[in-house]
Amino acid sequence: MKTDIDKRDFFKEPFSESELRKIIKMSGKKPSELLRKRDKAYKEMDFENTKRTDAQIIKIMIEHPGLILRPIIVTETQAFVGKVKAEDIK
């Protein structure tokens, strides 16, 4: 099965808050699960030792897109963030 793919560089075309919220909801994960824990900003912001609400994390993700795991694959019904196996995508 062949699928058309649209690519987007979210550093050049950042996500809006509503887009990011939709992706997070479609992924079935919490915003904190979609953060790159090895990113320099993650360490600088001391995410390991600082409590933040989901809303706060989303705002930080918008301000610092480098923190968002990639790739992000969005289908009509699901979003996959981070390492994805082809067989997981339906």
PDB file of N, CA and C in Angstrom:
ATOM      1  N   MET A   1       0.843  -1.177   0.000  1.00  0.00           N
ATOM      2  CA  MET A   1       0.000   0.000   0.000  1.00  0.00           C
ATOM      3  C   MET A   1       0.890   1.243   0.000  1.00  0.00           C
ATOM      4  N   LYS A   2       0.624   2.145  -0.901  1.00  0.00           N
ATOM      5  CA  LYS A   2       1.380   3.388  -1.003  1.00  0.00           C
ATOM      6  C   LYS A   2       0.569   4.508  -0.374  1.00  0.00           C
ATOM      7  N   THR A   3       1.264   5.350   0.374  1.00  0.00           N
ATOM      8  CA  THR A   3       0.606   6.461   1.039  1.00  0.00           C
ATOM      9  C   THR A   3       1.338   7.751   0.696  1.00  0.00           C
ATOM     10  N   ASP A   4       0.577   8.796   0.442  1.00  0.00           N
ATOM     11  CA  ASP A   4       1.186  10.106   0.220  1.00  0.00           C
ATOM     12  C   ASP A   4       1.644  10.663   1.557  1.00  0.00           C
ATOM     13  N   ILE A   5       2.791  11.291   1.541  1.00  0.00           N
ATOM     14  CA  ILE A   5       3.347  11.840   2.771  1.00  0.00           C
ATOM     15  C   ILE A   5       3.621  13.324   2.565  1.00  0.00           C
ATOM     16  N   ASP A   6       3.185  14.128   3.507  1.00  0.00           N
ATOM     17  CA  ASP A   6       3.521  15.544   3.527  1.00  0.00           C
ATOM     18  C   ASP A   6       4.579  15.726   4.600  1.00  0.00           C
ATOM     19  N   LYS A   7       5.686  16.354   4.247  1.00  0.00           N
ATOM     20  CA  LYS A   7       6.746  16.610   5.209  1.00  0.00           C
ATOM     21  C   LYS A   7       6.609  18.044   5.727  1.00  0.00           C
ATOM     22  N   ARG A   8       6.993  18.222   6.974  1.00  0.00           N
ATOM     23  CA  ARG A   8       6.943  19.555   7.563  1.00  0.00           C
ATOM     24  C   ARG A   8       8.115  19.712   8.525  1.00  0.00           C
ATOM     25  N   ASP A   9       8.850  20.761   8.347  1.00  0.00           N
ATOM     26  CA  ASP A   9       9.934  21.091   9.265  1.00  0.00           C
ATOM     27  C   ASP A   9       9.337  22.005  10.334  1.00  0.00           C
ATOM     28  N   PHE A  10       9.068  21.437  11.514  1.00  0.00           N
ATOM     29  CA  PHE A  10       8.389  22.249  12.525  1.00  0.00           C
ATOM     30  C   PHE A  10       9.315  23.238  13.229  1.00  0.00           C
ATOM     31  N   PHE A  11      10.563  23.297  12.784  1.00  0.00           N
ATOM     32  CA  PHE A  11      11.432  24.384  13.236  1.00  0.00           C
ATOM     33  C   PHE A  11      11.160  25.618  12.372  1.00  0.00           C
ATOM     34  N   LYS A  12      10.916  25.382  11.083  1.00  0.00           N
ATOM     35  CA  LYS A  12      10.628  26.486  10.166  1.00  0.00           C
ATOM     36  C   LYS A  12       9.147  26.851  10.186  1.00  0.00           C
ATOM     37  N   GLU A  13       8.289  25.847  10.369  1.00  0.00           N
ATOM     38  CA  GLU A  13       6.839  26.047  10.453  1.00  0.00           C
ATOM     39  C   GLU A  13       6.354  25.486  11.793  1.00  0.00           C
ATOM     40  N   PRO A  14       6.521  26.248  12.870  1.00  0.00           N
ATOM     41  CA  PRO A  14       6.192  25.737  14.205  1.00  0.00           C
ATOM     42  C   PRO A  14       4.718  25.338  14.340  1.00  0.00           C
ATOM     43  N   PHE A  15       4.492  24.398  15.251  1.00  0.00           N
ATOM     44  CA  PHE A  15       3.125  23.994  15.560  1.00  0.00           C
ATOM     45  C   PHE A  15       2.417  25.102  16.320  1.00  0.00           C
ATOM     46  N   SER A  16       1.133  25.241  16.068  1.00  0.00           N
ATOM     47  CA  SER A  16       0.315  26.103  16.923  1.00  0.00           C
ATOM     48  C   SER A  16       0.001  25.277  18.167  1.00  0.00           C
ATOM     49  N   GLU A  17      -0.469  25.929  19.195  1.00  0.00           N
ATOM     50  CA  GLU A  17      -0.824  25.196  20.411  1.00  0.00           C
ATOM     51  C   GLU A  17      -1.919  24.173  20.129  1.00  0.00           C
ATOM     52  N   SER A  18      -2.908  24.557  19.320  1.00  0.00           N
ATOM     53  CA  SER A  18      -4.008  23.633  19.029  1.00  0.00           C
ATOM     54  C   SER A  18      -3.524  22.436  18.211  1.00  0.00           C
ATOM     55  N   GLU A  19      -2.609  22.654  17.270  1.00  0.00           N
ATOM     56  CA  GLU A  19      -2.057  21.539  16.491  1.00  0.00           C
ATOM     57  C   GLU A  19      -1.310  20.562  17.402  1.00  0.00           C
ATOM     58  N   LEU A  20      -0.484  21.114  18.275  1.00  0.00           N
ATOM     59  CA  LEU A  20       0.298  20.266  19.168  1.00  0.00           C
ATOM     60  C   LEU A  20      -0.611  19.505  20.130  1.00  0.00           C
ATOM     61  N   ARG A  21      -1.626  20.167  20.648  1.00  0.00           N
ATOM     62  CA  ARG A  21      -2.580  19.482  21.530  1.00  0.00           C
ATOM     63  C   ARG A  21      -3.280  18.332  20.796  1.00  0.00           C
ATOM     64  N   LYS A  22      -3.637  18.549  19.541  1.00  0.00           N
ATOM     65  CA  LYS A  22      -4.303  17.509  18.750  1.00  0.00           C
ATOM     66  C   LYS A  22      -3.365  16.320  18.541  1.00  0.00           C
ATOM     67  N   ILE A  23      -2.110  16.586  18.197  1.00  0.00           N
ATOM     68  CA  ILE A  23      -1.129  15.515  18.005  1.00  0.00           C
ATOM     69  C   ILE A  23      -0.947  14.727  19.293  1.00  0.00           C
ATOM     70  N   ILE A  24      -0.836  15.435  20.406  1.00  0.00           N
ATOM     71  CA  ILE A  24      -0.657  14.768  21.701  1.00  0.00           C
ATOM     72  C   ILE A  24      -1.853  13.881  22.004  1.00  0.00           C
ATOM     73  N   LYS A  25      -3.047  14.416  21.814  1.00  0.00           N
ATOM     74  CA  LYS A  25      -4.266  13.633  22.069  1.00  0.00           C
ATOM     75  C   LYS A  25      -4.316  12.408  21.165  1.00  0.00           C
ATOM     76  N   MET A  26      -4.005  12.588  19.882  1.00  0.00           N
ATOM     77  CA  MET A  26      -4.044  11.470  18.929  1.00  0.00           C
ATOM     78  C   MET A  26      -2.979  10.414  19.228  1.00  0.00           C
ATOM     79  N   SER A  27      -1.898  10.813  19.894  1.00  0.00           N
ATOM     80  CA  SER A  27      -0.830   9.863  20.222  1.00  0.00           C
ATOM     81  C   SER A  27      -1.210   8.988  21.418  1.00  0.00           C
ATOM     82  N   GLY A  28      -2.160   9.480  22.224  1.00  0.00           N
ATOM     83  CA  GLY A  28      -2.550   8.732  23.413  1.00  0.00           C
ATOM     84  C   GLY A  28      -1.530   8.823  24.537  1.00  0.00           C
ATOM     85  N   LYS A  29      -0.607   9.758  24.427  1.00  0.00           N
ATOM     86  CA  LYS A  29       0.439   9.911  25.443  1.00  0.00           C
ATOM     87  C   LYS A  29       0.322  11.260  26.133  1.00  0.00           C
ATOM     88  N   LYS A  30       1.033  11.386  27.231  1.00  0.00           N
ATOM     89  CA  LYS A  30       1.087  12.658  27.950  1.00  0.00           C
ATOM     90  C   LYS A  30       2.164  13.527  27.315  1.00  0.00           C
ATOM     91  N   PRO A  31       2.027  14.843  27.405  1.00  0.00           N
ATOM     92  CA  PRO A  31       3.047  15.722  26.830  1.00  0.00           C
ATOM     93  C   PRO A  31       4.462  15.379  27.312  1.00  0.00           C
ATOM     94  N   SER A  32       4.603  15.036  28.574  1.00  0.00           N
ATOM     95  CA  SER A  32       5.926  14.727  29.123  1.00  0.00           C
ATOM     96  C   SER A  32       6.558  13.503  28.461  1.00  0.00           C
ATOM     97  N   GLU A  33       5.746  12.619  27.896  1.00  0.00           N
ATOM     98  CA  GLU A  33       6.254  11.420  27.227  1.00  0.00           C
ATOM     99  C   GLU A  33       6.780  11.736  25.827  1.00  0.00           C
ATOM    100  N   LEU A  34       6.498  12.933  25.334  1.00  0.00           N
ATOM    101  CA  LEU A  34       6.906  13.311  23.988  1.00  0.00           C
ATOM    102  C   LEU A  34       8.108  14.249  23.984  1.00  0.00           C
ATOM    103  N   LEU A  35       8.811  14.295  25.102  1.00  0.00           N
ATOM    104  CA  LEU A  35       9.981  15.157  25.213  1.00  0.00           C
ATOM    105  C   LEU A  35      11.259  14.371  24.955  1.00  0.00           C
ATOM    106  N   ARG A  36      12.205  15.026  24.304  1.00  0.00           N
ATOM    107  CA  ARG A  36      13.533  14.435  24.071  1.00  0.00           C
ATOM    108  C   ARG A  36      14.361  14.655  25.332  1.00  0.00           C
ATOM    109  N   LYS A  37      14.507  13.594  26.105  1.00  0.00           N
ATOM    110  CA  LYS A  37      15.185  13.695  27.394  1.00  0.00           C
ATOM    111  C   LYS A  37      16.693  13.934  27.270  1.00  0.00           C
ATOM    112  N   ARG A  38      17.248  13.683  26.100  1.00  0.00           N
ATOM    113  CA  ARG A  38      18.682  13.920  25.889  1.00  0.00           C
ATOM    114  C   ARG A  38      18.961  15.316  25.347  1.00  0.00           C
ATOM    115  N   ASP A  39      17.907  16.079  25.082  1.00  0.00           N
ATOM    116  CA  ASP A  39      18.087  17.426  24.549  1.00  0.00           C
ATOM    117  C   ASP A  39      18.698  18.340  25.613  1.00  0.00           C
ATOM    118  N   LYS A  40      19.568  19.211  25.163  1.00  0.00           N
ATOM    119  CA  LYS A  40      20.245  20.149  26.065  1.00  0.00           C
ATOM    120  C   LYS A  40      19.234  20.987  26.858  1.00  0.00           C
ATOM    121  N   ALA A  41      18.194  21.472  26.182  1.00  0.00           N
ATOM    122  CA  ALA A  41      17.181  22.305  26.846  1.00  0.00           C
ATOM    123  C   ALA A  41      16.454  21.526  27.941  1.00  0.00           C
ATOM    124  N   TYR A  42      16.228  20.234  27.720  1.00  0.00           N
ATOM    125  CA  TYR A  42      15.567  19.389  28.720  1.00  0.00           C
ATOM    126  C   TYR A  42      16.375  19.402  30.017  1.00  0.00           C
ATOM    127  N   LYS A  43      17.673  19.250  29.863  1.00  0.00           N
ATOM    128  CA  LYS A  43      18.556  19.238  31.036  1.00  0.00           C
ATOM    129  C   LYS A  43      18.650  20.622  31.668  1.00  0.00           C
ATOM    130  N   GLU A  44      18.755  21.653  30.820  1.00  0.00           N
ATOM    131  CA  GLU A  44      18.868  23.021  31.335  1.00  0.00           C
ATOM    132  C   GLU A  44      17.620  23.444  32.102  1.00  0.00           C
ATOM    133  N   MET A  45      16.456  22.971  31.654  1.00  0.00           N
ATOM    134  CA  MET A  45      15.199  23.324  32.328  1.00  0.00           C
ATOM    135  C   MET A  45      14.893  22.394  33.488  1.00  0.00           C
ATOM    136  N   ASP A  46      15.790  21.463  33.748  1.00  0.00           N
ATOM    137  CA  ASP A  46      15.692  20.539  34.877  1.00  0.00           C
ATOM    138  C   ASP A  46      14.324  19.846  34.951  1.00  0.00           C
ATOM    139  N   PHE A  47      13.908  19.283  33.821  1.00  0.00           N
ATOM    140  CA  PHE A  47      12.621  18.593  33.765  1.00  0.00           C
ATOM    141  C   PHE A  47      12.536  17.435  34.754  1.00  0.00           C
ATOM    142  N   GLU A  48      13.669  16.799  35.027  1.00  0.00           N
ATOM    143  CA  GLU A  48      13.669  15.645  35.933  1.00  0.00           C
ATOM    144  C   GLU A  48      13.228  16.022  37.345  1.00  0.00           C
ATOM    145  N   ASN A  49      13.550  17.227  37.762  1.00  0.00           N
ATOM    146  CA  ASN A  49      13.306  17.628  39.153  1.00  0.00           C
ATOM    147  C   ASN A  49      12.287  18.748  39.317  1.00  0.00           C
ATOM    148  N   THR A  50      11.624  19.139  38.228  1.00  0.00           N
ATOM    149  CA  THR A  50      10.678  20.246  38.290  1.00  0.00           C
ATOM    150  C   THR A  50       9.308  19.766  37.833  1.00  0.00           C
ATOM    151  N   LYS A  51       8.302  19.956  38.689  1.00  0.00           N
ATOM    152  CA  LYS A  51       6.933  19.570  38.308  1.00  0.00           C
ATOM    153  C   LYS A  51       6.336  20.650  37.425  1.00  0.00           C
ATOM    154  N   ARG A  52       5.685  20.202  36.353  1.00  0.00           N
ATOM    155  CA  ARG A  52       5.001  21.118  35.450  1.00  0.00           C
ATOM    156  C   ARG A  52       3.678  20.495  35.042  1.00  0.00           C
ATOM    157  N   THR A  53       2.709  21.343  34.775  1.00  0.00           N
ATOM    158  CA  THR A  53       1.416  20.848  34.293  1.00  0.00           C
ATOM    159  C   THR A  53       1.544  20.509  32.813  1.00  0.00           C
ATOM    160  N   ASP A  54       0.579  19.761  32.284  1.00  0.00           N
ATOM    161  CA  ASP A  54       0.570  19.458  30.855  1.00  0.00           C
ATOM    162  C   ASP A  54       0.544  20.750  30.037  1.00  0.00           C
ATOM    163  N   ALA A  55      -0.253  21.710  30.467  1.00  0.00           N
ATOM    164  CA  ALA A  55      -0.353  22.985  29.748  1.00  0.00           C
ATOM    165  C   ALA A  55       0.994  23.708  29.718  1.00  0.00           C
ATOM    166  N   GLN A  56       1.709  23.676  30.838  1.00  0.00           N
ATOM    167  CA  GLN A  56       3.025  24.314  30.886  1.00  0.00           C
ATOM    168  C   GLN A  56       4.007  23.610  29.947  1.00  0.00           C
ATOM    169  N   ILE A  57       3.962  22.284  29.931  1.00  0.00           N
ATOM    170  CA  ILE A  57       4.856  21.513  29.070  1.00  0.00           C
ATOM    171  C   ILE A  57       4.566  21.816  27.603  1.00  0.00           C
ATOM    172  N   ILE A  58       3.295  21.887  27.241  1.00  0.00           N
ATOM    173  CA  ILE A  58       2.921  22.181  25.853  1.00  0.00           C
ATOM    174  C   ILE A  58       3.444  23.559  25.438  1.00  0.00           C
ATOM    175  N   LYS A  59       3.301  24.542  26.296  1.00  0.00           N
ATOM    176  CA  LYS A  59       3.804  25.884  25.981  1.00  0.00           C
ATOM    177  C   LYS A  59       5.327  25.862  25.797  1.00  0.00           C
ATOM    178  N   ILE A  60       6.019  25.099  26.621  1.00  0.00           N
ATOM    179  CA  ILE A  60       7.480  24.976  26.491  1.00  0.00           C
ATOM    180  C   ILE A  60       7.836  24.280  25.186  1.00  0.00           C
ATOM    181  N   MET A  61       7.065  23.255  24.809  1.00  0.00           N
ATOM    182  CA  MET A  61       7.316  22.535  23.551  1.00  0.00           C
ATOM    183  C   MET A  61       7.168  23.468  22.351  1.00  0.00           C
ATOM    184  N   ILE A  62       6.219  24.371  22.422  1.00  0.00           N
ATOM    185  CA  ILE A  62       6.010  25.328  21.327  1.00  0.00           C
ATOM    186  C   ILE A  62       7.180  26.308  21.257  1.00  0.00           C
ATOM    187  N   GLU A  63       7.638  26.766  22.417  1.00  0.00           N
ATOM    188  CA  GLU A  63       8.749  27.718  22.473  1.00  0.00           C
ATOM    189  C   GLU A  63      10.083  27.067  22.104  1.00  0.00           C
ATOM    190  N   HIS A  64      10.213  25.759  22.398  1.00  0.00           N
ATOM    191  CA  HIS A  64      11.466  25.030  22.173  1.00  0.00           C
ATOM    192  C   HIS A  64      11.170  23.740  21.405  1.00  0.00           C
ATOM    193  N   PRO A  65      10.923  23.839  20.091  1.00  0.00           N
ATOM    194  CA  PRO A  65      10.544  22.646  19.325  1.00  0.00           C
ATOM    195  C   PRO A  65      11.596  21.540  19.328  1.00  0.00           C
ATOM    196  N   GLY A  66      12.837  21.871  19.639  1.00  0.00           N
ATOM    197  CA  GLY A  66      13.878  20.857  19.728  1.00  0.00           C
ATOM    198  C   GLY A  66      13.601  19.829  20.814  1.00  0.00           C
ATOM    199  N   LEU A  67      12.731  20.169  21.757  1.00  0.00           N
ATOM    200  CA  LEU A  67      12.366  19.241  22.829  1.00  0.00           C
ATOM    201  C   LEU A  67      11.390  18.158  22.380  1.00  0.00           C
ATOM    202  N   ILE A  68      10.750  18.354  21.234  1.00  0.00           N
ATOM    203  CA  ILE A  68       9.716  17.419  20.785  1.00  0.00           C
ATOM    204  C   ILE A  68      10.363  16.222  20.100  1.00  0.00           C
ATOM    205  N   LEU A  69       9.971  15.026  20.561  1.00  0.00           N
ATOM    206  CA  LEU A  69      10.452  13.810  19.909  1.00  0.00           C
ATOM    207  C   LEU A  69      10.081  13.831  18.440  1.00  0.00           C
ATOM    208  N   ARG A  70      10.897  13.213  17.629  1.00  0.00           N
ATOM    209  CA  ARG A  70      10.604  13.087  16.225  1.00  0.00           C
ATOM    210  C   ARG A  70      11.097  11.748  15.744  1.00  0.00           C
ATOM    211  N   PRO A  71      10.583  11.267  14.661  1.00  0.00           N
ATOM    212  CA  PRO A  71       9.622  11.907  13.775  1.00  0.00           C
ATOM    213  C   PRO A  71       8.215  11.894  14.348  1.00  0.00           C
ATOM    214  N   ILE A  72       7.370  12.691  13.746  1.00  0.00           N
ATOM    215  CA  ILE A  72       5.943  12.701  14.078  1.00  0.00           C
ATOM    216  C   ILE A  72       5.207  12.255  12.818  1.00  0.00           C
ATOM    217  N   ILE A  73       4.437  11.203  12.959  1.00  0.00           N
ATOM    218  CA  ILE A  73       3.650  10.695  11.835  1.00  0.00           C
ATOM    219  C   ILE A  73       2.187  10.779  12.233  1.00  0.00           C
ATOM    220  N   VAL A  74       1.409  11.483  11.426  1.00  0.00           N
ATOM    221  CA  VAL A  74      -0.011  11.667  11.723  1.00  0.00           C
ATOM    222  C   VAL A  74      -0.826  11.012  10.615  1.00  0.00           C
ATOM    223  N   THR A  75      -1.706  10.105  11.015  1.00  0.00           N
ATOM    224  CA  THR A  75      -2.644   9.502  10.075  1.00  0.00           C
ATOM    225  C   THR A  75      -4.005  10.154  10.324  1.00  0.00           C
ATOM    226  N   GLU A  76      -5.029   9.641   9.695  1.00  0.00           N
ATOM    227  CA  GLU A  76      -6.361  10.219   9.915  1.00  0.00           C
ATOM    228  C   GLU A  76      -6.836  10.031  11.353  1.00  0.00           C
ATOM    229  N   THR A  77      -6.392   8.956  11.993  1.00  0.00           N
ATOM    230  CA  THR A  77      -6.931   8.634  13.319  1.00  0.00           C
ATOM    231  C   THR A  77      -5.905   8.582  14.439  1.00  0.00           C
ATOM    232  N   GLN A  78      -4.613   8.555  14.105  1.00  0.00           N
ATOM    233  CA  GLN A  78      -3.592   8.405  15.135  1.00  0.00           C
ATOM    234  C   GLN A  78      -2.383   9.283  14.844  1.00  0.00           C
ATOM    235  N   ALA A  79      -1.622   9.516  15.906  1.00  0.00           N
ATOM    236  CA  ALA A  79      -0.333  10.197  15.754  1.00  0.00           C
ATOM    237  C   ALA A  79       0.720   9.329  16.428  1.00  0.00           C
ATOM    238  N   PHE A  80       1.851   9.197  15.764  1.00  0.00           N
ATOM    239  CA  PHE A  80       2.963   8.424  16.278  1.00  0.00           C
ATOM    240  C   PHE A  80       4.131   9.377  16.438  1.00  0.00           C
ATOM    241  N   VAL A  81       4.724   9.376  17.620  1.00  0.00           N
ATOM    242  CA  VAL A  81       5.805  10.312  17.906  1.00  0.00           C
ATOM    243  C   VAL A  81       7.011   9.524  18.398  1.00  0.00           C
ATOM    244  N   GLY A  82       8.156   9.815  17.817  1.00  0.00           N
ATOM    245  CA  GLY A  82       9.377   9.103  18.198  1.00  0.00           C
ATOM    246  C   GLY A  82       9.591   7.890  17.328  1.00  0.00           C
ATOM    247  N   LYS A  83      10.328   6.940  17.845  1.00  0.00           N
ATOM    248  CA  LYS A  83      10.625   5.723  17.075  1.00  0.00           C
ATOM    249  C   LYS A  83       9.329   4.989  16.766  1.00  0.00           C
ATOM    250  N   VAL A  84       9.126   4.710  15.494  1.00  0.00           N
ATOM    251  CA  VAL A  84       7.896   4.074  15.034  1.00  0.00           C
ATOM    252  C   VAL A  84       8.253   2.922  14.114  1.00  0.00           C
ATOM    253  N   LYS A  85       7.555   1.812  14.274  1.00  0.00           N
ATOM    254  CA  LYS A  85       7.719   0.677  13.368  1.00  0.00           C
ATOM    255  C   LYS A  85       6.602   0.761  12.340  1.00  0.00           C
ATOM    256  N   ALA A  86       6.911   0.415  11.117  1.00  0.00           N
ATOM    257  CA  ALA A  86       5.914   0.481  10.026  1.00  0.00           C
ATOM    258  C   ALA A  86       4.677  -0.317  10.358  1.00  0.00           C
ATOM    259  N   GLU A  87       4.832  -1.470  11.002  1.00  0.00           N
ATOM    260  CA  GLU A  87       3.664  -2.302  11.319  1.00  0.00           C
ATOM    261  C   GLU A  87       2.761  -1.692  12.393  1.00  0.00           C
ATOM    262  N   ASP A  88       3.251  -0.698  13.130  1.00  0.00           N
ATOM    263  CA  ASP A  88       2.413  -0.020  14.138  1.00  0.00           C
ATOM    264  C   ASP A  88       1.422   0.941  13.504  1.00  0.00           C
ATOM    265  N   ILE A  89       1.732   1.408  12.298  1.00  0.00           N
ATOM    266  CA  ILE A  89       0.899   2.409  11.637  1.00  0.00           C
ATOM    267  C   ILE A  89      -0.210   1.693  10.875  1.00  0.00           C
ATOM    268  N   LYS A  90      -1.448   2.061  11.210  1.00  0.00           N
ATOM    269  CA  LYS A  90      -2.605   1.424  10.574  1.00  0.00           C
ATOM    270  C   LYS A  90      -3.349   2.433   9.755  1.00  0.00           C
TER     271      LYS A  90
END
